[in-house]
C-alpha cells in the first residue's frame, strides 16, 4: 500500500511484515495524501507514516481533517516532521466528532448518488 493516489498497488501472499494494528491513518510524507485503513496491509513506501489516535478520538474525524489539510510545495521534501506534524487539530468532544463524521459520510453518499445518476 501507499498513501499516495494509487493507495492499493497490489496484493501479496507474504505473511512477514504485514501491519495488523489497525485502524490507522497512513500519510505520504512527500505528497501529504492520507488514507484511513482498517484492514491488514503491507507497507510499500519508505515515505509512509502510520498514525494512530488516542482512544477517545474518532480516527475518521482526524483522517478527514488530514485529508483537507494539504501542504504542497514546489520541492521534493518530507513534510511530516518539518511542517505537517506541527499543525494543531481542533478536537471537539467525542459526540461532536461523531456527529461531524456522520454528516460528512451522509453528504459523500449523496454525492455518490448524484454522480451515479449522471
C-alpha atoms as a PDB file:
ATOM      1  CA  UNK A   1       0.000   0.000   0.000  1.00  0.00           C
ATOM      2  CA  UNK A   2       0.922   3.597  -0.449  1.00  0.00           C
ATOM      3  CA  UNK A   3      -0.766   6.707   0.934  1.00  0.00           C
ATOM      4  CA  UNK A   4      -0.491   8.302  -2.492  1.00  0.00           C
ATOM      5  CA  UNK A   5      -3.025   8.310  -5.277  1.00  0.00           C
ATOM      6  CA  UNK A   6      -2.566   4.583  -6.009  1.00  0.00           C
ATOM      7  CA  UNK A   7      -3.451   3.516  -2.429  1.00  0.00           C
ATOM      8  CA  UNK A   8      -3.610  -0.253  -3.060  1.00  0.00           C
ATOM      9  CA  UNK A   9      -0.834  -1.057  -5.506  1.00  0.00           C
ATOM     10  CA  UNK A  10      -1.170  -4.833  -5.409  1.00  0.00           C
ATOM     11  CA  UNK A  11      -1.752  -7.906  -3.315  1.00  0.00           C
ATOM     12  CA  UNK A  12       0.633 -10.367  -1.704  1.00  0.00           C
ATOM     13  CA  UNK A  13       0.652 -13.779  -0.079  1.00  0.00           C
ATOM     14  CA  UNK A  14       3.547 -12.730   2.157  1.00  0.00           C
ATOM     15  CA  UNK A  15       2.928 -13.009   5.864  1.00  0.00           C
ATOM     16  CA  UNK A  16       6.073 -11.252   7.151  1.00  0.00           C
ATOM     17  CA  UNK A  17       5.954  -7.503   7.589  1.00  0.00           C
ATOM     18  CA  UNK A  18       2.168  -7.233   7.423  1.00  0.00           C
ATOM     19  CA  UNK A  19       0.877  -4.354   9.547  1.00  0.00           C
ATOM     20  CA  UNK A  20      -2.114  -5.561  11.578  1.00  0.00           C
ATOM     21  CA  UNK A  21      -2.558  -2.955  14.335  1.00  0.00           C
ATOM     22  CA  UNK A  22      -5.477  -1.208  12.627  1.00  0.00           C
ATOM     23  CA  UNK A  23      -7.336   1.096  12.252  1.00  0.00           C
ATOM     24  CA  UNK A  24      -4.713   3.675  11.300  1.00  0.00           C
ATOM     25  CA  UNK A  25      -4.191   6.664   9.073  1.00  0.00           C
ATOM     26  CA  UNK A  26      -1.398   6.340   6.543  1.00  0.00           C
ATOM     27  CA  UNK A  27       0.299   9.544   5.460  1.00  0.00           C
ATOM     28  CA  UNK A  28       2.542  10.084   2.422  1.00  0.00           C
ATOM     29  CA  UNK A  29       5.457  12.247   3.525  1.00  0.00           C
ATOM     30  CA  UNK A  30       6.057  13.708   0.054  1.00  0.00           C
ATOM     31  CA  UNK A  31       2.512  14.374  -1.219  1.00  0.00           C
ATOM     32  CA  UNK A  32       0.745  14.828   2.169  1.00  0.00           C
ATOM     33  CA  UNK A  33      -2.006  12.472   0.966  1.00  0.00           C
ATOM     34  CA  UNK A  34      -3.607  10.464   3.757  1.00  0.00           C
ATOM     35  CA  UNK A  35      -5.930   7.461   3.885  1.00  0.00           C
ATOM     36  CA  UNK A  36      -7.949   5.645   6.552  1.00  0.00           C
ATOM     37  CA  UNK A  37      -7.049   1.941   6.709  1.00  0.00           C
ATOM     38  CA  UNK A  38      -8.971  -0.644   8.702  1.00  0.00           C
ATOM     39  CA  UNK A  39      -7.500  -3.853   7.266  1.00  0.00           C
ATOM     40  CA  UNK A  40      -4.046  -5.529   7.496  1.00  0.00           C
ATOM     41  CA  UNK A  41      -1.580  -4.270   4.886  1.00  0.00           C
ATOM     42  CA  UNK A  42       1.992  -4.441   3.652  1.00  0.00           C
ATOM     43  CA  UNK A  43       3.900  -1.170   3.515  1.00  0.00           C
ATOM     44  CA  UNK A  44       5.500  -0.457   0.130  1.00  0.00           C
ATOM     45  CA  UNK A  45       6.714   3.096   0.653  1.00  0.00           C
ATOM     46  CA  UNK A  46       9.552   4.430   2.772  1.00  0.00           C
ATOM     47  CA  UNK A  47       7.751   7.786   2.834  1.00  0.00           C
ATOM     48  CA  UNK A  48       4.662   6.390   4.577  1.00  0.00           C
ATOM     49  CA  UNK A  49       3.883   7.403   8.128  1.00  0.00           C
ATOM     50  CA  UNK A  50       1.455   5.220  10.094  1.00  0.00           C
ATOM     51  CA  UNK A  51      -0.635   7.222  12.566  1.00  0.00           C
ATOM     52  CA  UNK A  52      -2.766   6.061  15.491  1.00  0.00           C
ATOM     53  CA  UNK A  53      -5.067   8.279  17.531  1.00  0.00           C
ATOM     54  CA  UNK A  54      -5.939   8.271  21.209  1.00  0.00           C
ATOM     55  CA  UNK A  55      -8.825   6.050  22.317  1.00  0.00           C
ATOM     56  CA  UNK A  56     -11.165   8.991  22.962  1.00  0.00           C
ATOM     57  CA  UNK A  57     -10.683  10.418  19.448  1.00  0.00           C
ATOM     58  CA  UNK A  58     -12.625   9.326  16.360  1.00  0.00           C
ATOM     59  CA  UNK A  59      -9.924   8.258  13.893  1.00  0.00           C
ATOM     60  CA  UNK A  60     -12.158   9.085  10.927  1.00  0.00           C
ATOM     61  CA  UNK A  61     -12.519  12.655  12.256  1.00  0.00           C
ATOM     62  CA  UNK A  62      -8.733  13.043  12.295  1.00  0.00           C
ATOM     63  CA  UNK A  63      -8.437  11.429   8.869  1.00  0.00           C
ATOM     64  CA  UNK A  64     -10.976  13.854   7.381  1.00  0.00           C
ATOM     65  CA  UNK A  65      -9.103  16.785   8.890  1.00  0.00           C
ATOM     66  CA  UNK A  66      -5.819  15.488   7.478  1.00  0.00           C
ATOM     67  CA  UNK A  67      -7.320  14.902   4.040  1.00  0.00           C
ATOM     68  CA  UNK A  68      -8.369  18.546   3.710  1.00  0.00           C
ATOM     69  CA  UNK A  69      -5.136  19.938   5.153  1.00  0.00           C
ATOM     70  CA  UNK A  70      -2.645  19.927   2.309  1.00  0.00           C
ATOM     71  CA  UNK A  71       0.849  21.400   2.278  1.00  0.00           C
ATOM     72  CA  UNK A  72       2.072  21.039  -1.256  1.00  0.00           C
ATOM     73  CA  UNK A  73       5.220  22.924  -2.039  1.00  0.00           C
ATOM     74  CA  UNK A  74       7.413  23.044  -5.072  1.00  0.00           C
ATOM     75  CA  UNK A  75      10.171  20.942  -3.553  1.00  0.00           C
ATOM     76  CA  UNK A  76      10.509  17.203  -3.146  1.00  0.00           C
ATOM     77  CA  UNK A  77      10.883  17.064   0.611  1.00  0.00           C
ATOM     78  CA  UNK A  78       9.470  15.208   3.551  1.00  0.00           C
ATOM     79  CA  UNK A  79       6.668  17.211   5.128  1.00  0.00           C
ATOM     80  CA  UNK A  80       5.739  15.260   8.283  1.00  0.00           C
ATOM     81  CA  UNK A  81       8.472  16.399  10.662  1.00  0.00           C
ATOM     82  CA  UNK A  82       9.235  19.769   9.091  1.00  0.00           C
ATOM     83  CA  UNK A  83       5.663  21.051   8.823  1.00  0.00           C
ATOM     84  CA  UNK A  84       2.675  18.720   8.973  1.00  0.00           C
ATOM     85  CA  UNK A  85       3.132  17.298  12.467  1.00  0.00           C
ATOM     86  CA  UNK A  86       3.110  20.860  13.848  1.00  0.00           C
ATOM     87  CA  UNK A  87      -0.410  21.663  12.627  1.00  0.00           C
ATOM     88  CA  UNK A  88      -2.848  21.588  15.554  1.00  0.00           C
ATOM     89  CA  UNK A  89      -6.003  19.557  15.007  1.00  0.00           C
ATOM     90  CA  UNK A  90      -9.021  21.016  16.808  1.00  0.00           C
ATOM     91  CA  UNK A  91     -10.655  18.119  18.631  1.00  0.00           C
ATOM     92  CA  UNK A  92     -14.177  18.737  19.942  1.00  0.00           C
ATOM     93  CA  UNK A  93     -15.853  16.349  22.398  1.00  0.00           C
ATOM     94  CA  UNK A  94     -16.274  12.802  21.071  1.00  0.00           C
ATOM     95  CA  UNK A  95     -20.025  13.159  20.486  1.00  0.00           C
ATOM     96  CA  UNK A  96     -19.390  16.191  18.276  1.00  0.00           C
ATOM     97  CA  UNK A  97     -16.632  14.359  16.363  1.00  0.00           C
ATOM     98  CA  UNK A  98     -19.052  11.509  15.708  1.00  0.00           C
ATOM     99  CA  UNK A  99     -21.794  13.932  14.600  1.00  0.00           C
ATOM    100  CA  UNK A 100     -19.405  15.644  12.173  1.00  0.00           C
ATOM    101  CA  UNK A 101     -18.234  12.348  10.668  1.00  0.00           C
ATOM    102  CA  UNK A 102     -21.798  11.053  10.324  1.00  0.00           C
ATOM    103  CA  UNK A 103     -22.781  14.228   8.460  1.00  0.00           C
ATOM    104  CA  UNK A 104     -19.680  14.100   6.226  1.00  0.00           C
ATOM    105  CA  UNK A 105     -20.423  10.456   5.369  1.00  0.00           C
ATOM    106  CA  UNK A 106     -24.062  11.313   4.643  1.00  0.00           C
ATOM    107  CA  UNK A 107     -23.001  14.128   2.285  1.00  0.00           C
ATOM    108  CA  UNK A 108     -20.483  11.888   0.495  1.00  0.00           C
ATOM    109  CA  UNK A 109     -23.218   9.264  -0.002  1.00  0.00           C
ATOM    110  CA  UNK A 110     -25.427  11.950  -1.525  1.00  0.00           C
ATOM    111  CA  UNK A 111     -22.602  12.986  -3.858  1.00  0.00           C
ATOM    112  CA  UNK A 112     -22.042   9.356  -4.858  1.00  0.00           C
ATOM    113  CA  UNK A 113     -25.753   9.003  -5.677  1.00  0.00           C
ATOM    114  CA  UNK A 114     -25.735  12.178  -7.746  1.00  0.00           C
ATOM    115  CA  UNK A 115     -22.598  11.058  -9.602  1.00  0.00           C
ATOM    116  CA  UNK A 116     -24.122   7.654 -10.333  1.00  0.00           C
ATOM    117  CA  UNK A 117     -27.145   9.315 -11.901  1.00  0.00           C
ATOM    118  CA  UNK A 118     -25.089  11.459 -14.282  1.00  0.00           C
END
